[in-house]
C-alpha cells in the first residue's frame, strides 16, 4: 500500500469521525455539558486529522 492510499484512507476516516461528532452535537443540544465532551473531542480531532491528511496528500501530489 503506497503513501497516497494511506492518506486517502486517513482522510475518509477523519472526515467520518468529524461528521459523527458534529452530528452528535446537533442531536444532543439540550444535554448537560458533561455529555457533550465526547462529541466535541470527536469533532475537533476529526477536523485536525482531516486537515493534516489533506495537507499531506497535497504534498504527495506536488
Protein backbone atom coordinates (compact mmCIF):
# COMPACT_ATOMS: atom_id res chain seq x y z
CA UNK A 1 0.00 0.00 0.00
CA UNK A 2 1.56 3.26 -1.06
CA UNK A 3 1.60 6.51 0.88
CA UNK A 4 -1.13 8.16 -1.22
CA UNK A 5 -3.61 5.37 -0.48
CA UNK A 6 -2.85 5.60 3.25
CA UNK A 7 -3.51 9.34 3.18
CA UNK A 8 -6.81 8.90 1.36
CA UNK A 9 -7.99 6.25 3.83
CA UNK A 10 -6.97 8.50 6.73
CA UNK A 11 -8.75 11.43 5.11
CA UNK A 12 -12.01 9.50 4.78
CA UNK A 13 -11.74 8.11 8.32
CA UNK A 14 -11.07 11.52 9.84
CA UNK A 15 -13.98 13.02 7.92
CA UNK A 16 -16.31 10.31 9.23
CA UNK A 17 -15.15 10.91 12.82
CA UNK A 18 -15.60 14.66 12.44
CA UNK A 19 -19.08 14.32 10.94
CA UNK A 20 -20.11 11.87 13.67
CA UNK A 21 -19.01 14.34 16.35
CA UNK A 22 -20.85 17.23 14.69
CA UNK A 23 -23.95 15.07 14.28
CA UNK A 24 -23.95 14.14 17.96
CA UNK A 25 -23.51 17.80 18.90
CA UNK A 26 -26.53 18.78 16.82
CA UNK A 27 -28.69 15.96 18.18
CA UNK A 28 -27.76 16.38 21.86
CA UNK A 29 -28.03 20.17 22.17
CA UNK A 30 -30.27 20.31 25.30
CA UNK A 31 -27.99 17.89 27.18
CA UNK A 32 -25.70 18.98 30.02
CA UNK A 33 -22.12 19.94 29.21
CA UNK A 34 -20.69 16.71 30.68
CA UNK A 35 -22.26 14.59 27.96
CA UNK A 36 -21.10 16.94 25.19
CA UNK A 37 -17.38 16.46 25.85
CA UNK A 38 -17.04 13.31 23.74
CA UNK A 39 -18.76 14.72 20.61
CA UNK A 40 -16.65 17.88 20.90
CA UNK A 41 -13.48 15.79 21.08
CA UNK A 42 -14.60 13.72 18.07
CA UNK A 43 -15.40 16.82 16.02
CA UNK A 44 -12.13 18.60 16.84
CA UNK A 45 -9.81 15.62 16.43
CA UNK A 46 -11.58 14.54 13.24
CA UNK A 47 -11.15 18.03 11.81
CA UNK A 48 -7.46 18.11 12.79
CA UNK A 49 -6.90 14.70 11.21
CA UNK A 50 -8.79 15.71 8.09
CA UNK A 51 -6.73 18.87 7.58
CA UNK A 52 -3.49 17.06 8.35
CA UNK A 53 -4.18 14.30 5.86
CA UNK A 54 -5.33 16.83 3.26
CA UNK A 55 -2.08 18.79 3.59
CA UNK A 56 -0.07 15.57 3.40
CA UNK A 57 -1.98 14.47 0.30
CA UNK A 58 -1.33 17.81 -1.38
CA UNK A 59 2.40 17.46 -0.64
CA UNK A 60 2.44 13.98 -2.18
CA UNK A 61 0.66 15.16 -5.35
CA UNK A 62 3.12 18.02 -5.91
